[in-house]
């Protein structure tokens, strides 16, 4: 019981030290995590049935050699890749924006530091430490979200290429 209290207390202190921008970065991180989980769910449980359906549709075709058939084959492969890449653009936007929110946190933290320098004349180091932590924590969190999201994007890109190649070889032109 105390374990969860300690974790929630630590998270609360972390968000207090990081400032309001950290909440935006947390939301972006949550969106990236949701999109990653959704993509893993799709690849694990739904993608194989989509591939099997496409292969079955192709095998049931009588004409597999004409120009139209080759175009339909390419469309089937493209549709499968599109289903894998669903919401990847949203993930890319979140990955690009997260470090910018971190930079915004740096700016707001430094504004607070300079304000406290002006008000106290530089004599209150404890007050300035709060502004410095608000200037340092958000970029760290933003870069962490961007780094994790970047790995997820690369993983999805590799899977898309692999699955497209596999489907390309399964849909044989006769």
N, C-alpha and C. Protein backbone atom coordinates (compact mmCIF):
# COMPACT_ATOMS: atom_id res chain seq x y z
N UNK A 1 0.83 -1.19 0.00
CA UNK A 1 0.00 0.00 0.00
C UNK A 1 0.87 1.26 0.00
N UNK A 2 1.90 1.23 0.83
CA UNK A 2 2.78 2.39 0.90
C UNK A 2 3.58 2.57 -0.39
N UNK A 3 3.79 1.47 -1.10
CA UNK A 3 4.52 1.53 -2.36
C UNK A 3 3.81 2.46 -3.35
N UNK A 4 2.50 2.30 -3.48
CA UNK A 4 1.74 3.14 -4.41
C UNK A 4 1.67 4.58 -3.93
N UNK A 5 1.62 4.77 -2.62
CA UNK A 5 1.63 6.12 -2.08
C UNK A 5 2.96 6.80 -2.40
N UNK A 6 4.06 6.08 -2.24
CA UNK A 6 5.37 6.64 -2.54
C UNK A 6 5.51 6.99 -4.01
N UNK A 7 5.01 6.12 -4.88
CA UNK A 7 5.09 6.39 -6.31
C UNK A 7 4.26 7.61 -6.68
N UNK A 8 3.03 7.67 -6.17
CA UNK A 8 2.18 8.82 -6.50
C UNK A 8 2.75 10.11 -5.93
N UNK A 9 3.34 10.05 -4.75
CA UNK A 9 3.95 11.23 -4.16
C UNK A 9 5.16 11.67 -4.98
N UNK A 10 5.96 10.72 -5.43
CA UNK A 10 7.13 11.05 -6.25
C UNK A 10 6.71 11.65 -7.59
N UNK A 11 5.68 11.09 -8.21
CA UNK A 11 5.19 11.65 -9.47
C UNK A 11 4.65 13.06 -9.28
N UNK A 12 3.93 13.27 -8.18
CA UNK A 12 3.39 14.60 -7.91
C UNK A 12 4.53 15.61 -7.75
N UNK A 13 5.56 15.24 -7.01
CA UNK A 13 6.71 16.14 -6.84
C UNK A 13 7.43 16.38 -8.16
N UNK A 14 7.54 15.34 -8.98
CA UNK A 14 8.18 15.48 -10.28
C UNK A 14 7.43 16.48 -11.15
N UNK A 15 6.10 16.38 -11.16
CA UNK A 15 5.31 17.31 -11.97
C UNK A 15 5.35 18.72 -11.39
N UNK A 16 5.43 18.85 -10.07
CA UNK A 16 5.56 20.18 -9.47
C UNK A 16 6.89 20.81 -9.84
N UNK A 17 7.95 20.03 -9.81
CA UNK A 17 9.27 20.57 -10.15
C UNK A 17 9.38 20.90 -11.63
N UNK A 18 8.70 20.14 -12.47
CA UNK A 18 8.80 20.34 -13.91
C UNK A 18 7.93 21.44 -14.45
N UNK A 19 6.94 21.85 -13.72
CA UNK A 19 6.08 22.93 -14.18
C UNK A 19 4.90 22.43 -15.01
N UNK A 20 4.10 23.38 -15.45
CA UNK A 20 2.87 23.06 -16.17
C UNK A 20 3.12 22.43 -17.53
N UNK A 21 4.22 22.75 -18.16
CA UNK A 21 4.52 22.21 -19.49
C UNK A 21 4.69 20.69 -19.41
N UNK A 22 5.10 20.20 -18.27
CA UNK A 22 5.30 18.77 -18.11
C UNK A 22 3.99 18.00 -18.29
N UNK A 23 2.87 18.61 -17.94
CA UNK A 23 1.58 17.96 -18.15
C UNK A 23 1.31 17.76 -19.64
N UNK A 24 1.65 18.74 -20.45
CA UNK A 24 1.48 18.60 -21.90
C UNK A 24 2.38 17.50 -22.46
N UNK A 25 3.60 17.45 -21.97
CA UNK A 25 4.52 16.40 -22.42
C UNK A 25 4.01 15.03 -21.98
N UNK A 26 3.44 14.96 -20.79
CA UNK A 26 2.88 13.71 -20.31
C UNK A 26 1.72 13.26 -21.20
N UNK A 27 0.88 14.20 -21.60
CA UNK A 27 -0.24 13.86 -22.50
C UNK A 27 0.30 13.35 -23.83
N UNK A 28 1.32 14.02 -24.37
CA UNK A 28 1.94 13.54 -25.61
C UNK A 28 2.52 12.14 -25.43
N UNK A 29 3.16 11.91 -24.32
CA UNK A 29 3.71 10.58 -24.04
C UNK A 29 2.62 9.53 -23.94
N UNK A 30 1.50 9.91 -23.34
CA UNK A 30 0.37 8.99 -23.25
C UNK A 30 -0.19 8.67 -24.63
N UNK A 31 -0.29 9.68 -25.50
CA UNK A 31 -0.77 9.46 -26.86
C UNK A 31 0.18 8.54 -27.62
N UNK A 32 1.48 8.77 -27.50
CA UNK A 32 2.46 7.92 -28.18
C UNK A 32 2.37 6.49 -27.65
N UNK A 33 2.24 6.33 -26.34
CA UNK A 33 2.12 4.98 -25.75
C UNK A 33 0.85 4.30 -26.24
N UNK A 34 -0.25 5.04 -26.29
CA UNK A 34 -1.51 4.46 -26.77
C UNK A 34 -1.37 4.01 -28.22
N UNK A 35 -0.76 4.84 -29.06
CA UNK A 35 -0.59 4.48 -30.47
C UNK A 35 0.34 3.27 -30.62
N UNK A 36 1.36 3.18 -29.79
CA UNK A 36 2.25 2.02 -29.84
C UNK A 36 1.50 0.75 -29.45
N UNK A 37 0.72 0.82 -28.38
CA UNK A 37 -0.04 -0.35 -27.93
C UNK A 37 -1.08 -0.75 -28.97
N UNK A 38 -1.74 0.25 -29.56
CA UNK A 38 -2.73 -0.03 -30.60
C UNK A 38 -2.08 -0.71 -31.78
N UNK A 39 -0.90 -0.27 -32.16
CA UNK A 39 -0.20 -0.86 -33.31
C UNK A 39 0.26 -2.27 -33.00
N UNK A 40 0.77 -2.50 -31.81
CA UNK A 40 1.19 -3.85 -31.42
C UNK A 40 -0.03 -4.78 -31.38
N UNK A 41 -1.14 -4.28 -30.86
CA UNK A 41 -2.38 -5.07 -30.82
C UNK A 41 -2.80 -5.45 -32.24
N UNK A 42 -2.79 -4.48 -33.15
CA UNK A 42 -3.18 -4.76 -34.54
C UNK A 42 -2.25 -5.81 -35.16
N UNK A 43 -0.96 -5.63 -34.99
CA UNK A 43 -0.01 -6.56 -35.60
C UNK A 43 -0.11 -7.95 -35.00
N UNK A 44 -0.39 -8.02 -33.72
CA UNK A 44 -0.43 -9.31 -33.03
C UNK A 44 -1.73 -10.07 -33.31
N UNK A 45 -2.87 -9.37 -33.35
CA UNK A 45 -4.16 -10.06 -33.38
C UNK A 45 -4.97 -9.88 -34.66
N UNK A 46 -4.78 -8.80 -35.39
CA UNK A 46 -5.65 -8.53 -36.53
C UNK A 46 -4.96 -8.61 -37.88
N UNK A 47 -3.68 -8.35 -37.92
CA UNK A 47 -2.99 -8.24 -39.21
C UNK A 47 -2.97 -9.56 -39.98
N UNK A 48 -2.81 -10.67 -39.29
CA UNK A 48 -2.74 -11.96 -39.99
C UNK A 48 -4.05 -12.28 -40.71
N UNK A 49 -5.19 -11.92 -40.11
CA UNK A 49 -6.46 -12.16 -40.80
C UNK A 49 -6.60 -11.26 -42.03
N UNK A 50 -6.09 -10.04 -41.96
CA UNK A 50 -6.12 -9.14 -43.12
C UNK A 50 -5.26 -9.72 -44.24
N UNK A 51 -4.07 -10.19 -43.90
CA UNK A 51 -3.18 -10.79 -44.90
C UNK A 51 -3.82 -12.04 -45.51
N UNK A 52 -4.39 -12.89 -44.66
CA UNK A 52 -5.04 -14.11 -45.17
C UNK A 52 -6.19 -13.78 -46.10
N UNK A 53 -6.95 -12.74 -45.77
CA UNK A 53 -8.06 -12.32 -46.62
C UNK A 53 -7.55 -11.83 -47.98
N UNK A 54 -6.49 -11.06 -47.96
CA UNK A 54 -5.93 -10.54 -49.22
C UNK A 54 -5.39 -11.69 -50.07
N UNK A 55 -4.67 -12.61 -49.46
CA UNK A 55 -4.12 -13.75 -50.20
C UNK A 55 -5.25 -14.61 -50.77
N UNK A 56 -6.30 -14.83 -49.99
CA UNK A 56 -7.45 -15.61 -50.47
C UNK A 56 -8.12 -14.91 -51.64
N UNK A 57 -8.33 -13.61 -51.53
CA UNK A 57 -8.94 -12.85 -52.64
C UNK A 57 -8.08 -12.95 -53.90
N UNK A 58 -6.78 -12.88 -53.75
CA UNK A 58 -5.89 -12.96 -54.91
C UNK A 58 -5.92 -14.35 -55.53
N UNK A 59 -5.89 -15.37 -54.70
CA UNK A 59 -5.88 -16.74 -55.22
C UNK A 59 -7.19 -17.11 -55.90
N UNK A 60 -8.29 -16.47 -55.51
CA UNK A 60 -9.58 -16.75 -56.15
C UNK A 60 -9.73 -16.06 -57.50
N UNK A 61 -8.87 -15.13 -57.80
CA UNK A 61 -8.93 -14.45 -59.10
C UNK A 61 -8.52 -15.40 -60.20
N UNK A 62 -9.23 -15.31 -61.31
CA UNK A 62 -8.88 -16.14 -62.46
C UNK A 62 -7.76 -15.49 -63.27
N UNK A 63 -7.87 -14.19 -63.44
CA UNK A 63 -6.89 -13.45 -64.24
C UNK A 63 -5.83 -12.87 -63.31
N UNK A 64 -4.60 -13.35 -63.45
CA UNK A 64 -3.52 -12.87 -62.59
C UNK A 64 -2.35 -12.30 -63.39
N UNK A 65 -2.51 -12.21 -64.70
CA UNK A 65 -1.36 -11.82 -65.51
C UNK A 65 -1.57 -10.50 -66.26
N UNK A 66 -2.80 -10.05 -66.38
CA UNK A 66 -3.05 -8.83 -67.15
C UNK A 66 -2.54 -7.60 -66.40
N UNK A 67 -2.49 -6.50 -67.13
CA UNK A 67 -2.05 -5.24 -66.54
C UNK A 67 -2.97 -4.83 -65.39
N UNK A 68 -4.28 -5.01 -65.57
CA UNK A 68 -5.24 -4.66 -64.51
C UNK A 68 -5.02 -5.52 -63.27
N UNK A 69 -4.72 -6.80 -63.47
CA UNK A 69 -4.48 -7.68 -62.33
C UNK A 69 -3.24 -7.26 -61.55
N UNK A 70 -2.21 -6.87 -62.27
CA UNK A 70 -0.99 -6.41 -61.60
C UNK A 70 -1.27 -5.13 -60.81
N UNK A 71 -2.09 -4.25 -61.37
CA UNK A 71 -2.47 -3.02 -60.66
C UNK A 71 -3.30 -3.34 -59.43
N UNK A 72 -4.22 -4.30 -59.54
CA UNK A 72 -5.04 -4.71 -58.39
C UNK A 72 -4.15 -5.34 -57.32
N UNK A 73 -3.19 -6.13 -57.73
CA UNK A 73 -2.24 -6.74 -56.79
C UNK A 73 -1.48 -5.66 -56.03
N UNK A 74 -1.00 -4.67 -56.75
CA UNK A 74 -0.27 -3.57 -56.10
C UNK A 74 -1.18 -2.81 -55.15
N UNK A 75 -2.45 -2.65 -55.52
CA UNK A 75 -3.41 -1.96 -54.65
C UNK A 75 -3.64 -2.77 -53.37
N UNK A 76 -3.72 -4.09 -53.49
CA UNK A 76 -3.90 -4.94 -52.31
C UNK A 76 -2.72 -4.82 -51.35
N UNK A 77 -1.52 -4.81 -51.90
CA UNK A 77 -0.31 -4.66 -51.08
C UNK A 77 -0.30 -3.29 -50.41
N UNK A 78 -0.67 -2.28 -51.17
CA UNK A 78 -0.71 -0.91 -50.64
C UNK A 78 -1.76 -0.77 -49.54
N UNK A 79 -2.92 -1.42 -49.71
CA UNK A 79 -3.96 -1.36 -48.68
C UNK A 79 -3.47 -2.00 -47.37
N UNK A 80 -2.77 -3.12 -47.48
CA UNK A 80 -2.24 -3.77 -46.27
C UNK A 80 -1.23 -2.86 -45.58
N UNK A 81 -0.36 -2.21 -46.36
CA UNK A 81 0.63 -1.30 -45.77
C UNK A 81 -0.05 -0.08 -45.14
N UNK A 82 -1.13 0.38 -45.77
CA UNK A 82 -1.87 1.52 -45.22
C UNK A 82 -2.50 1.17 -43.88
N UNK A 83 -3.00 -0.05 -43.75
CA UNK A 83 -3.59 -0.46 -42.47
C UNK A 83 -2.53 -0.54 -41.37
N UNK A 84 -1.33 -0.97 -41.74
CA UNK A 84 -0.26 -1.01 -40.74
C UNK A 84 0.13 0.42 -40.34
N UNK A 85 0.17 1.32 -41.30
CA UNK A 85 0.64 2.68 -41.05
C UNK A 85 -0.44 3.62 -40.53
N UNK A 86 -1.61 3.09 -40.21
CA UNK A 86 -2.68 3.93 -39.68
C UNK A 86 -2.21 4.61 -38.38
N UNK A 87 -2.41 5.89 -38.29
CA UNK A 87 -2.06 6.73 -37.13
C UNK A 87 -0.55 6.93 -36.93
N UNK A 88 0.27 6.49 -37.86
CA UNK A 88 1.71 6.70 -37.72
C UNK A 88 2.04 8.18 -37.87
N UNK A 89 1.31 8.88 -38.72
CA UNK A 89 1.55 10.32 -38.89
C UNK A 89 1.28 11.07 -37.59
N UNK A 90 0.23 10.67 -36.87
CA UNK A 90 -0.05 11.30 -35.58
C UNK A 90 1.10 11.04 -34.60
N UNK A 91 1.64 9.83 -34.63
CA UNK A 91 2.78 9.53 -33.78
C UNK A 91 3.98 10.38 -34.16
N UNK A 92 4.20 10.59 -35.46
CA UNK A 92 5.31 11.43 -35.91
C UNK A 92 5.16 12.86 -35.41
N UNK A 93 3.94 13.37 -35.46
CA UNK A 93 3.69 14.74 -34.98
C UNK A 93 3.98 14.83 -33.48
N UNK A 94 3.52 13.85 -32.71
CA UNK A 94 3.77 13.85 -31.27
C UNK A 94 5.27 13.78 -30.98
N UNK A 95 5.99 12.98 -31.76
CA UNK A 95 7.43 12.85 -31.56
C UNK A 95 8.14 14.16 -31.89
N UNK A 96 7.67 14.87 -32.92
CA UNK A 96 8.30 16.14 -33.29
C UNK A 96 7.96 17.25 -32.29
N UNK A 97 6.76 17.22 -31.73
CA UNK A 97 6.31 18.31 -30.86
C UNK A 97 6.85 18.15 -29.43
N UNK A 98 7.08 16.93 -28.97
CA UNK A 98 7.51 16.71 -27.59
C UNK A 98 8.79 17.47 -27.22
N UNK A 99 9.85 17.43 -28.03
CA UNK A 99 11.04 18.23 -27.67
C UNK A 99 10.77 19.74 -27.71
N UNK A 100 9.85 20.16 -28.58
CA UNK A 100 9.52 21.58 -28.62
C UNK A 100 8.80 22.01 -27.35
N UNK A 101 7.93 21.14 -26.83
CA UNK A 101 7.31 21.44 -25.54
C UNK A 101 8.37 21.47 -24.45
N UNK A 102 9.36 20.59 -24.54
CA UNK A 102 10.46 20.63 -23.58
C UNK A 102 11.22 21.94 -23.64
N UNK A 103 11.45 22.42 -24.85
CA UNK A 103 12.11 23.72 -25.02
C UNK A 103 11.25 24.84 -24.45
N UNK A 104 9.95 24.74 -24.65
CA UNK A 104 9.03 25.72 -24.07
C UNK A 104 9.13 25.70 -22.55
N UNK A 105 9.27 24.50 -21.97
CA UNK A 105 9.46 24.40 -20.52
C UNK A 105 10.76 25.05 -20.07
N UNK A 106 11.80 24.91 -20.88
CA UNK A 106 13.07 25.57 -20.56
C UNK A 106 12.90 27.08 -20.53
N UNK A 107 12.20 27.59 -21.51
CA UNK A 107 12.00 29.05 -21.59
C UNK A 107 11.20 29.55 -20.40
N UNK A 108 10.10 28.85 -20.07
CA UNK A 108 9.29 29.30 -18.93
C UNK A 108 10.07 29.19 -17.62
N UNK A 109 10.88 28.13 -17.48
CA UNK A 109 11.70 28.00 -16.27
C UNK A 109 12.74 29.09 -16.15
N UNK A 110 13.37 29.45 -17.26
CA UNK A 110 14.37 30.52 -17.23
C UNK A 110 13.72 31.88 -16.99
N UNK A 111 12.53 32.08 -17.51
CA UNK A 111 11.81 33.33 -17.21
C UNK A 111 11.58 33.44 -15.71
N UNK A 112 11.19 32.31 -15.09
CA UNK A 112 10.98 32.32 -13.64
C UNK A 112 12.28 32.61 -12.89
N UNK A 113 13.39 32.03 -13.35
CA UNK A 113 14.69 32.28 -12.71
C UNK A 113 15.05 33.76 -12.81
N UNK A 114 14.91 34.34 -14.00
CA UNK A 114 15.27 35.76 -14.16
C UNK A 114 14.33 36.68 -13.39
N UNK A 115 13.07 36.29 -13.28
CA UNK A 115 12.13 37.08 -12.48
C UNK A 115 12.57 37.06 -11.01
N UNK A 116 12.91 35.87 -10.51
CA UNK A 116 13.35 35.77 -9.12
C UNK A 116 14.68 36.48 -8.89
N UNK A 117 15.55 36.46 -9.90
CA UNK A 117 16.80 37.23 -9.79
C UNK A 117 16.50 38.71 -9.66
N UNK A 118 15.54 39.19 -10.43
CA UNK A 118 15.20 40.61 -10.38
C UNK A 118 14.54 40.98 -9.06
N UNK A 119 13.68 40.10 -8.56
CA UNK A 119 12.95 40.41 -7.33
C UNK A 119 13.85 40.30 -6.10
N UNK A 120 14.62 39.22 -6.01
CA UNK A 120 15.42 38.98 -4.80
C UNK A 120 16.83 39.54 -4.90
N UNK A 121 17.23 39.94 -6.07
CA UNK A 121 18.59 40.45 -6.24
C UNK A 121 19.63 39.34 -6.27
N UNK A 122 19.19 38.12 -6.47
CA UNK A 122 20.13 36.99 -6.58
C UNK A 122 20.50 36.38 -5.26
N UNK A 123 19.88 36.80 -4.17
CA UNK A 123 20.25 36.29 -2.86
C UNK A 123 19.53 35.03 -2.44
N UNK A 124 18.46 34.65 -3.12
CA UNK A 124 17.68 33.49 -2.70
C UNK A 124 17.92 32.33 -3.67
N UNK A 125 18.91 31.52 -3.34
CA UNK A 125 19.29 30.41 -4.23
C UNK A 125 18.22 29.32 -4.27
N UNK A 126 17.50 29.10 -3.15
CA UNK A 126 16.45 28.08 -3.13
C UNK A 126 15.32 28.43 -4.07
N UNK A 127 14.95 29.69 -4.13
CA UNK A 127 13.88 30.11 -5.02
C UNK A 127 14.29 29.93 -6.48
N UNK A 128 15.55 30.23 -6.78
CA UNK A 128 16.02 30.08 -8.16
C UNK A 128 16.15 28.61 -8.54
N UNK A 129 16.40 27.73 -7.59
CA UNK A 129 16.53 26.30 -7.89
C UNK A 129 15.23 25.74 -8.45
N UNK A 130 14.10 26.25 -7.97
CA UNK A 130 12.81 25.80 -8.52
C UNK A 130 12.68 26.16 -9.98
N UNK A 131 13.10 27.36 -10.34
CA UNK A 131 13.06 27.77 -11.74
C UNK A 131 14.02 26.99 -12.61
N UNK A 132 15.18 26.66 -12.04
CA UNK A 132 16.16 25.88 -12.80
C UNK A 132 15.62 24.47 -13.05
N UNK A 133 14.98 23.88 -12.05
CA UNK A 133 14.42 22.54 -12.27
C UNK A 133 13.29 22.59 -13.29
N UNK A 134 12.53 23.69 -13.31
CA UNK A 134 11.49 23.84 -14.34
C UNK A 134 12.10 24.05 -15.72
N UNK A 135 13.35 24.48 -15.75
CA UNK A 135 14.04 24.67 -17.03
C UNK A 135 14.72 23.39 -17.50
N UNK A 136 15.00 22.45 -16.60
CA UNK A 136 15.75 21.25 -16.97
C UNK A 136 14.86 20.03 -17.16
N UNK A 137 13.86 19.85 -16.33
CA UNK A 137 13.04 18.63 -16.38
C UNK A 137 12.21 18.52 -17.66
N UNK A 138 11.52 19.56 -18.13
CA UNK A 138 10.71 19.39 -19.35
C UNK A 138 11.49 18.97 -20.59
N UNK A 139 12.68 19.53 -20.87
CA UNK A 139 13.39 19.02 -22.05
C UNK A 139 13.78 17.55 -21.92
N UNK A 140 14.13 17.13 -20.70
CA UNK A 140 14.45 15.73 -20.49
C UNK A 140 13.24 14.85 -20.79
N UNK A 141 12.07 15.25 -20.28
CA UNK A 141 10.86 14.47 -20.52
C UNK A 141 10.47 14.50 -21.99
N UNK A 142 10.59 15.66 -22.62
CA UNK A 142 10.26 15.77 -24.05
C UNK A 142 11.16 14.91 -24.91
N UNK A 143 12.44 14.89 -24.59
CA UNK A 143 13.38 14.05 -25.34
C UNK A 143 13.13 12.57 -25.09
N UNK A 144 12.72 12.22 -23.87
CA UNK A 144 12.41 10.81 -23.58
C UNK A 144 11.21 10.35 -24.41
N UNK A 145 10.17 11.19 -24.48
CA UNK A 145 9.00 10.85 -25.30
C UNK A 145 9.40 10.73 -26.76
N UNK A 146 10.21 11.67 -27.24
CA UNK A 146 10.63 11.64 -28.64
C UNK A 146 11.49 10.42 -28.94
N UNK A 147 12.36 10.06 -28.02
CA UNK A 147 13.23 8.90 -28.24
C UNK A 147 12.42 7.60 -28.31
N UNK A 148 11.51 7.42 -27.38
CA UNK A 148 10.67 6.22 -27.38
C UNK A 148 9.80 6.19 -28.63
N UNK A 149 9.22 7.33 -28.98
CA UNK A 149 8.39 7.40 -30.19
C UNK A 149 9.18 7.14 -31.45
N UNK A 150 10.43 7.60 -31.48
CA UNK A 150 11.29 7.35 -32.64
C UNK A 150 11.56 5.86 -32.82
N UNK A 151 11.86 5.17 -31.73
CA UNK A 151 12.07 3.73 -31.81
C UNK A 151 10.80 3.03 -32.30
N UNK A 152 9.64 3.47 -31.80
CA UNK A 152 8.38 2.86 -32.23
C UNK A 152 8.14 3.10 -33.72
N UNK A 153 8.43 4.30 -34.19
CA UNK A 153 8.26 4.59 -35.62
C UNK A 153 9.16 3.71 -36.47
N UNK A 154 10.39 3.55 -36.06
CA UNK A 154 11.32 2.72 -36.83
C UNK A 154 10.87 1.27 -36.83
N UNK A 155 10.38 0.80 -35.71
CA UNK A 155 9.87 -0.57 -35.60
C UNK A 155 8.69 -0.77 -36.56
N UNK A 156 7.77 0.18 -36.57
CA UNK A 156 6.60 0.08 -37.45
C UNK A 156 7.04 0.16 -38.91
N UNK A 157 7.99 1.01 -39.21
CA UNK A 157 8.49 1.13 -40.58
C UNK A 157 9.11 -0.19 -41.05
N UNK A 158 9.91 -0.82 -40.18
CA UNK A 158 10.53 -2.10 -40.54
C UNK A 158 9.48 -3.19 -40.74
N UNK A 159 8.48 -3.23 -39.87
CA UNK A 159 7.43 -4.23 -40.01
C UNK A 159 6.63 -3.99 -41.28
N UNK A 160 6.33 -2.74 -41.58
CA UNK A 160 5.60 -2.43 -42.81
C UNK A 160 6.37 -2.92 -44.03
N UNK A 161 7.66 -2.66 -44.06
CA UNK A 161 8.47 -3.10 -45.19
C UNK A 161 8.51 -4.62 -45.28
N UNK A 162 8.71 -5.27 -44.15
CA UNK A 162 8.77 -6.73 -44.13
C UNK A 162 7.44 -7.36 -44.57
N UNK A 163 6.34 -6.83 -44.05
CA UNK A 163 5.03 -7.38 -44.40
C UNK A 163 4.68 -7.11 -45.86
N UNK A 164 5.05 -5.94 -46.37
CA UNK A 164 4.79 -5.64 -47.78
C UNK A 164 5.60 -6.56 -48.68
N UNK A 165 6.85 -6.81 -48.33
CA UNK A 165 7.68 -7.74 -49.11
C UNK A 165 7.11 -9.15 -49.07
N UNK A 166 6.67 -9.57 -47.88
CA UNK A 166 6.10 -10.91 -47.73
C UNK A 166 4.84 -11.05 -48.58
N UNK A 167 3.98 -10.03 -48.52
CA UNK A 167 2.74 -10.07 -49.29
C UNK A 167 3.04 -10.01 -50.78
N UNK A 168 4.05 -9.26 -51.16
CA UNK A 168 4.46 -9.17 -52.56
C UNK A 168 4.84 -10.55 -53.09
N UNK A 169 5.51 -11.35 -52.27
CA UNK A 169 5.92 -12.69 -52.70
C UNK A 169 4.79 -13.71 -52.60
N UNK A 170 3.82 -13.46 -51.71
CA UNK A 170 2.69 -14.39 -51.60
C UNK A 170 1.70 -14.23 -52.76
N UNK A 171 1.56 -13.01 -53.25
CA UNK A 171 0.62 -12.76 -54.35
C UNK A 171 1.35 -12.99 -55.67
N UNK A 172 1.38 -14.23 -56.09
CA UNK A 172 2.16 -14.64 -57.25
C UNK A 172 1.42 -14.30 -58.53
N UNK A 173 2.14 -13.71 -59.49
CA UNK A 173 1.60 -13.43 -60.82
C UNK A 173 1.87 -14.67 -61.67
N UNK A 174 0.80 -15.23 -62.23
CA UNK A 174 0.96 -16.45 -63.04
C UNK A 174 0.79 -16.17 -64.50
